[in-house]
Protein backbone atom coordinates (compact mmCIF):
# COMPACT_ATOMS: atom_id res chain seq x y z
CA GLN A 1 104.95 98.83 98.05
CA VAL A 2 108.58 97.77 98.25
CA GLN A 3 109.14 94.13 99.19
CA LEU A 4 111.61 93.34 101.97
CA VAL A 5 113.62 90.17 102.55
CA GLU A 6 115.52 89.67 105.79
CA SER A 7 118.48 87.32 106.16
CA GLY A 8 121.42 86.56 108.39
CA GLY A 9 119.72 85.06 111.39
CA CYS A 10 121.15 81.93 113.00
CA LEU A 11 122.11 80.29 116.28
CA VAL A 12 124.82 82.20 118.12
CA GLN A 13 126.37 81.89 121.56
CA PRO A 14 125.88 84.54 124.25
CA GLY A 15 128.39 87.33 123.78
CA GLY A 16 128.61 86.67 120.07
CA SER A 17 127.96 88.94 117.12
CA LEU A 18 125.70 88.77 114.10
CA ARG A 19 124.83 90.98 111.14
CA LEU A 20 121.32 90.97 109.75
CA SER A 21 120.51 92.19 106.25
CA CYS A 22 117.29 93.52 104.77
CA ALA A 23 117.16 93.65 100.98
CA ALA A 24 114.54 95.84 99.30
CA SER A 25 113.00 95.09 95.91
CA ALA A 26 113.15 98.75 94.87
CA SER A 27 114.87 101.98 95.72
CA ILE A 28 114.71 103.04 99.36
CA SER A 29 116.32 106.44 98.89
CA GLY A 30 112.93 108.17 98.95
CA ILE A 31 111.63 106.29 101.96
CA TYR A 32 111.70 108.30 105.17
CA GLY A 33 112.42 105.56 107.66
CA MET A 34 113.75 102.04 107.73
CA GLY A 35 113.41 99.99 110.88
CA TRP A 36 114.23 96.71 112.53
CA PHE A 37 111.72 95.09 114.86
CA ARG A 38 111.67 91.78 116.69
CA GLN A 39 109.18 89.38 118.21
CA GLY A 40 110.31 86.97 120.87
CA PRO A 41 108.47 83.80 121.91
CA GLY A 42 105.13 84.71 123.42
CA GLN A 43 105.86 88.41 123.11
CA GLN A 44 104.56 91.28 121.06
CA ARG A 45 106.60 92.73 118.24
CA GLU A 46 108.84 95.54 119.48
CA LEU A 47 110.97 98.21 117.90
CA VAL A 48 114.71 97.54 117.89
CA ALA A 49 116.24 100.33 115.81
CA THR A 50 115.32 102.83 113.12
CA VAL A 51 117.20 105.06 110.70
CA THR A 52 115.84 107.97 108.68
CA ASN A 53 116.87 108.98 105.18
CA ARG A 54 118.99 111.69 106.81
CA GLY A 55 120.84 109.15 108.92
CA THR A 56 119.17 109.86 112.23
CA THR A 57 119.07 106.69 114.31
CA HIS A 58 116.99 105.55 117.24
CA TYR A 59 117.46 102.48 119.42
CA ALA A 60 115.46 100.64 122.01
CA ASP A 61 117.05 101.01 125.44
CA SER A 62 117.63 97.27 125.60
CA VAL A 63 120.01 97.33 122.62
CA LYS A 64 121.73 100.71 122.94
CA GLY A 65 125.49 100.36 122.77
CA ARG A 66 125.24 96.83 121.39
CA PHE A 67 123.35 97.13 118.09
CA THR A 68 124.02 99.41 115.15
CA ILE A 69 121.61 100.09 112.30
CA SER A 70 122.88 101.26 108.94
CA ARG A 71 121.27 102.11 105.67
CA ASP A 72 122.66 101.70 102.14
CA ASN A 73 120.42 103.68 99.81
CA ALA A 74 122.53 102.87 96.75
CA GLY A 75 122.32 99.17 97.52
CA ASN A 76 118.68 99.25 98.62
CA ALA A 77 119.50 97.55 101.89
CA VAL A 78 119.43 98.04 105.64
CA TYR A 79 121.65 96.26 108.11
CA LEU A 80 121.62 95.52 111.81
CA GLN A 81 124.98 94.80 113.39
CA MET A 82 124.45 93.04 116.70
CA THR A 83 127.19 92.53 119.28
CA SER A 84 127.33 91.24 122.87
CA LEU A 85 124.25 89.17 122.17
CA LYS A 86 122.17 87.96 125.08
CA PRO A 87 119.64 85.12 125.36
CA GLU A 88 116.89 87.73 125.64
CA ASP A 89 117.76 88.91 122.13
CA THR A 90 116.33 85.65 120.82
CA ALA A 91 113.50 86.55 118.44
CA VAL A 92 112.35 86.72 114.86
CA TYR A 93 113.74 89.95 113.44
CA TYR A 94 111.80 91.91 110.84
CA CYS A 95 112.48 95.03 108.82
CA ALA A 96 109.89 97.51 107.70
CA THR A 97 109.49 100.88 106.01
CA LYS A 98 108.00 104.19 107.04
CA GLN A 99 107.18 106.12 103.90
CA THR A 100 106.77 109.54 105.56
CA PRO A 101 107.23 110.92 109.08
CA PHE A 102 103.46 110.80 109.52
CA ARG A 103 102.86 107.16 108.67
CA GLU A 104 103.36 103.98 110.63
CA TYR A 105 105.92 101.30 109.84
CA ALA A 106 104.60 98.74 107.38
CA GLY A 107 105.60 96.34 104.63
CA TRP A 108 107.05 93.69 106.94
CA GLY A 109 109.26 90.99 105.49
CA GLN A 110 109.06 87.31 106.43
CA GLY A 111 111.58 87.71 109.23
CA THR A 112 114.80 85.97 110.15
CA GLN A 113 115.28 83.89 113.30
CA VAL A 114 118.01 84.82 115.76
CA THR A 115 118.64 82.39 118.60
CA VAL A 116 121.15 83.22 121.32
CA SER A 117 121.98 80.14 123.32
CA SER A 118 124.92 78.14 124.57
């Protein structure tokens, strides 16, 4: 199981931008899906964005047009570019892998905290 380490989270003002990184301990080129999820205070973990190994992306409605997921197979990393941040984006952000189209996301990292506040 590949190990994932998220980074890049911090305190940012509303309207600001942030780029999260997810570094994998091994090659991700053969992994079907890579995803970003988040868990806000008192909330369940929710899907933010996913990208397949063919580059197909999917976004939660709440982040469409503001967040962009990208995948670097050569660098074994996945990124989440976040713009126009809102206080409701405050959460711990996690990345995870989906080995095949028929399996669930798993292999969560430790997460990185994003706080959007003035």
